[in-house]
C-alpha cells in the first residue's frame, strides 16, 4: 500500500499487482495482462474505500479513463 499526498490529506493508494492479475484473469484477459491501450478502472475509487475486485473494476480505454477522472475532479469527487 502506497500513501499518496493529495492537497492536505493523505490518500491510501492500493497497488497490488497480484490482485490486479487475479481480477484480470477472472474478467477473461489471458495471463492477467491488460490489452494494449486499456486500463483497469475502479468504479468506487480506492481513495473512497473501493477494492480491487471484479465487481468494482472495469477494463476501459486509456482515453475513456482519463475523461472519467477529469470529470470526477471537476465535480470535486477526487
N, C-alpha and C. Protein backbone atom coordinates (compact mmCIF):
# COMPACT_ATOMS: atom_id res chain seq x y z
N UNK A 1 0.85 -1.16 0.00
CA UNK A 1 0.00 0.00 0.00
C UNK A 1 0.90 1.23 0.00
N UNK A 2 0.66 2.11 -0.93
CA UNK A 2 1.46 3.32 -1.06
C UNK A 2 0.61 4.51 -0.67
N UNK A 3 1.15 5.39 0.15
CA UNK A 3 0.41 6.60 0.53
C UNK A 3 0.79 7.70 -0.43
N UNK A 4 -0.22 8.40 -0.91
CA UNK A 4 -0.01 9.49 -1.84
C UNK A 4 -0.62 10.74 -1.24
N UNK A 5 0.06 11.84 -1.32
CA UNK A 5 -0.44 13.07 -0.72
C UNK A 5 -1.23 13.86 -1.76
N UNK A 6 -2.47 14.16 -1.43
CA UNK A 6 -3.33 14.94 -2.31
C UNK A 6 -3.78 16.15 -1.50
N UNK A 7 -3.35 17.32 -1.91
CA UNK A 7 -3.69 18.52 -1.15
C UNK A 7 -3.16 18.40 0.26
N UNK A 8 -4.04 18.57 1.24
CA UNK A 8 -3.63 18.49 2.64
C UNK A 8 -3.91 17.13 3.26
N UNK A 9 -4.60 16.25 2.51
CA UNK A 9 -4.94 14.95 3.08
C UNK A 9 -4.10 13.86 2.45
N UNK A 10 -3.91 12.79 3.19
CA UNK A 10 -3.19 11.64 2.67
C UNK A 10 -4.20 10.61 2.18
N UNK A 11 -3.95 10.07 1.00
CA UNK A 11 -4.83 9.08 0.41
C UNK A 11 -4.07 7.78 0.28
N UNK A 12 -4.68 6.69 0.73
CA UNK A 12 -4.06 5.38 0.56
C UNK A 12 -4.38 4.90 -0.84
N UNK A 13 -3.35 4.51 -1.56
CA UNK A 13 -3.49 4.05 -2.93
C UNK A 13 -3.14 2.57 -2.98
N UNK A 14 -4.07 1.75 -3.43
CA UNK A 14 -3.85 0.31 -3.49
C UNK A 14 -3.12 -0.03 -4.79
N UNK A 15 -1.98 -0.65 -4.68
CA UNK A 15 -1.21 -1.08 -5.85
C UNK A 15 -0.70 -2.49 -5.58
N UNK A 16 -1.55 -3.44 -5.79
CA UNK A 16 -1.17 -4.82 -5.55
C UNK A 16 -1.25 -5.58 -6.87
N UNK A 17 -0.11 -5.78 -7.53
CA UNK A 17 -0.10 -6.44 -8.83
C UNK A 17 -0.72 -7.84 -8.82
N UNK A 18 -0.62 -8.54 -7.70
CA UNK A 18 -1.21 -9.88 -7.62
C UNK A 18 -2.73 -9.82 -7.71
N UNK A 19 -3.33 -8.86 -7.00
CA UNK A 19 -4.78 -8.69 -7.04
C UNK A 19 -5.24 -8.30 -8.44
N UNK A 20 -4.50 -7.38 -9.05
CA UNK A 20 -4.85 -6.91 -10.39
C UNK A 20 -4.82 -8.08 -11.37
N UNK A 21 -3.79 -8.91 -11.29
CA UNK A 21 -3.65 -10.06 -12.18
C UNK A 21 -4.82 -11.02 -12.01
N UNK A 22 -5.19 -11.30 -10.77
CA UNK A 22 -6.30 -12.21 -10.49
C UNK A 22 -7.61 -11.66 -11.06
N UNK A 23 -7.85 -10.38 -10.86
CA UNK A 23 -9.07 -9.74 -11.37
C UNK A 23 -9.11 -9.80 -12.89
N UNK A 24 -7.99 -9.50 -13.53
CA UNK A 24 -7.95 -9.52 -14.99
C UNK A 24 -8.18 -10.92 -15.53
N UNK A 25 -7.64 -11.94 -14.87
CA UNK A 25 -7.86 -13.32 -15.29
C UNK A 25 -9.34 -13.68 -15.17
N UNK A 26 -9.99 -13.24 -14.08
CA UNK A 26 -11.41 -13.52 -13.89
C UNK A 26 -12.26 -12.80 -14.93
N UNK A 27 -11.77 -11.66 -15.42
CA UNK A 27 -12.50 -10.90 -16.43
C UNK A 27 -12.23 -11.43 -17.85
N UNK A 28 -11.42 -12.49 -17.96
CA UNK A 28 -11.19 -13.13 -19.25
C UNK A 28 -9.96 -12.65 -20.00
N UNK A 29 -9.10 -11.87 -19.37
CA UNK A 29 -7.87 -11.42 -20.02
C UNK A 29 -6.79 -12.45 -19.79
N UNK A 30 -6.22 -12.95 -20.88
CA UNK A 30 -5.21 -14.00 -20.80
C UNK A 30 -4.00 -13.57 -19.99
N UNK A 31 -3.53 -14.47 -19.18
CA UNK A 31 -2.33 -14.27 -18.38
C UNK A 31 -2.42 -13.08 -17.43
N UNK A 32 -3.60 -12.56 -17.20
CA UNK A 32 -3.77 -11.44 -16.28
C UNK A 32 -3.15 -10.15 -16.76
N UNK A 33 -3.05 -10.00 -18.08
CA UNK A 33 -2.46 -8.78 -18.64
C UNK A 33 -3.53 -7.97 -19.36
N UNK A 34 -3.38 -6.65 -19.29
CA UNK A 34 -4.31 -5.76 -19.98
C UNK A 34 -3.99 -5.70 -21.47
N UNK A 35 -5.02 -5.59 -22.31
CA UNK A 35 -4.78 -5.36 -23.73
C UNK A 35 -4.11 -4.00 -23.92
N UNK A 36 -3.46 -3.81 -25.05
CA UNK A 36 -2.78 -2.56 -25.35
C UNK A 36 -3.81 -1.42 -25.33
N UNK A 37 -3.44 -0.29 -24.79
CA UNK A 37 -4.27 0.92 -24.70
C UNK A 37 -5.51 0.75 -23.82
N UNK A 38 -5.45 -0.15 -22.85
CA UNK A 38 -6.55 -0.34 -21.89
C UNK A 38 -6.02 -0.15 -20.48
N UNK A 39 -6.92 0.22 -19.56
CA UNK A 39 -6.57 0.39 -18.16
C UNK A 39 -7.66 -0.21 -17.28
N UNK A 40 -7.29 -0.53 -16.07
CA UNK A 40 -8.24 -1.06 -15.09
C UNK A 40 -8.77 0.12 -14.28
N UNK A 41 -10.08 0.31 -14.33
CA UNK A 41 -10.72 1.44 -13.65
C UNK A 41 -11.52 0.93 -12.45
N UNK A 42 -11.36 1.58 -11.31
CA UNK A 42 -12.15 1.26 -10.12
C UNK A 42 -13.43 2.10 -10.14
N UNK A 43 -14.59 1.44 -10.11
CA UNK A 43 -15.87 2.15 -10.09
C UNK A 43 -15.97 2.98 -8.82
N UNK A 44 -15.75 2.35 -7.68
CA UNK A 44 -15.64 3.08 -6.42
C UNK A 44 -14.14 3.26 -6.18
N UNK A 45 -13.66 4.50 -6.20
CA UNK A 45 -12.22 4.74 -6.08
C UNK A 45 -11.61 4.13 -4.81
N UNK A 46 -10.38 3.72 -4.95
CA UNK A 46 -9.63 3.15 -3.82
C UNK A 46 -9.57 4.17 -2.69
N UNK A 47 -9.43 5.44 -3.04
CA UNK A 47 -9.35 6.50 -2.04
C UNK A 47 -10.63 6.59 -1.20
N UNK A 48 -11.74 6.08 -1.74
CA UNK A 48 -13.01 6.09 -1.02
C UNK A 48 -13.37 4.72 -0.46
N UNK A 49 -12.38 3.83 -0.42
CA UNK A 49 -12.61 2.51 0.16
C UNK A 49 -12.91 1.42 -0.85
N UNK A 50 -12.83 1.71 -2.14
CA UNK A 50 -13.07 0.71 -3.17
C UNK A 50 -11.96 -0.33 -3.18
N UNK A 51 -12.32 -1.54 -3.53
CA UNK A 51 -11.36 -2.65 -3.55
C UNK A 51 -11.09 -3.08 -4.99
N UNK A 52 -10.00 -3.81 -5.16
CA UNK A 52 -9.67 -4.36 -6.46
C UNK A 52 -10.34 -5.72 -6.56
N UNK A 53 -11.61 -5.71 -7.00
CA UNK A 53 -12.39 -6.92 -7.18
C UNK A 53 -13.03 -6.87 -8.57
N UNK A 54 -13.43 -8.02 -9.11
CA UNK A 54 -14.08 -8.00 -10.42
C UNK A 54 -15.34 -7.12 -10.46
N UNK A 55 -16.07 -7.10 -9.36
CA UNK A 55 -17.31 -6.31 -9.31
C UNK A 55 -17.04 -4.80 -9.31
N UNK A 56 -15.93 -4.36 -8.76
CA UNK A 56 -15.64 -2.94 -8.63
C UNK A 56 -14.69 -2.41 -9.71
N UNK A 57 -14.31 -3.24 -10.67
CA UNK A 57 -13.38 -2.78 -11.69
C UNK A 57 -13.93 -2.98 -13.09
N UNK A 58 -13.45 -2.16 -14.01
CA UNK A 58 -13.81 -2.25 -15.42
C UNK A 58 -12.53 -2.09 -16.23
N UNK A 59 -12.45 -2.78 -17.36
CA UNK A 59 -11.34 -2.60 -18.30
C UNK A 59 -11.85 -1.63 -19.36
N UNK A 60 -11.23 -0.44 -19.41
CA UNK A 60 -11.66 0.59 -20.34
C UNK A 60 -10.45 1.19 -21.06
N UNK A 61 -10.71 1.94 -22.11
CA UNK A 61 -9.61 2.56 -22.86
C UNK A 61 -8.96 3.64 -22.00
N UNK A 62 -7.69 3.92 -22.31
CA UNK A 62 -6.96 4.94 -21.57
C UNK A 62 -7.62 6.30 -21.73
N UNK A 63 -8.12 6.60 -22.94
CA UNK A 63 -8.77 7.89 -23.19
C UNK A 63 -10.04 8.03 -22.35
N UNK A 64 -10.86 6.98 -22.30
CA UNK A 64 -12.10 6.99 -21.51
C UNK A 64 -11.77 7.14 -20.03
N UNK A 65 -10.74 6.44 -19.56
CA UNK A 65 -10.32 6.51 -18.16
C UNK A 65 -9.92 7.93 -17.79
N UNK A 66 -9.18 8.57 -18.67
CA UNK A 66 -8.75 9.95 -18.44
C UNK A 66 -9.95 10.90 -18.34
N UNK A 67 -10.95 10.70 -19.21
CA UNK A 67 -12.15 11.54 -19.20
C UNK A 67 -12.94 11.36 -17.91
N UNK A 68 -13.07 10.10 -17.47
CA UNK A 68 -13.82 9.82 -16.24
C UNK A 68 -13.20 10.56 -15.06
N UNK A 69 -11.87 10.46 -14.92
CA UNK A 69 -11.21 11.10 -13.79
C UNK A 69 -11.20 12.62 -13.92
N UNK A 70 -11.14 13.13 -15.13
CA UNK A 70 -11.22 14.58 -15.34
C UNK A 70 -12.58 15.09 -14.88
N UNK A 71 -13.64 14.37 -15.22
CA UNK A 71 -14.99 14.76 -14.81
C UNK A 71 -15.17 14.64 -13.30
N UNK A 72 -14.58 13.60 -12.69
CA UNK A 72 -14.67 13.47 -11.23
C UNK A 72 -13.98 14.64 -10.53
N UNK A 73 -12.83 15.06 -11.05
CA UNK A 73 -12.14 16.21 -10.46
C UNK A 73 -12.98 17.48 -10.58
N UNK A 74 -13.64 17.68 -11.72
CA UNK A 74 -14.50 18.85 -11.92
C UNK A 74 -15.62 18.88 -10.90
N UNK A 75 -16.18 17.71 -10.61
CA UNK A 75 -17.30 17.63 -9.66
C UNK A 75 -16.82 17.60 -8.22
N UNK A 76 -15.51 17.56 -8.02
CA UNK A 76 -14.97 17.53 -6.66
C UNK A 76 -15.01 16.16 -6.02
N UNK A 77 -15.12 15.11 -6.84
CA UNK A 77 -15.18 13.75 -6.31
C UNK A 77 -13.81 13.16 -6.06
N UNK A 78 -12.77 13.78 -6.59
CA UNK A 78 -11.40 13.29 -6.35
C UNK A 78 -10.62 14.38 -5.66
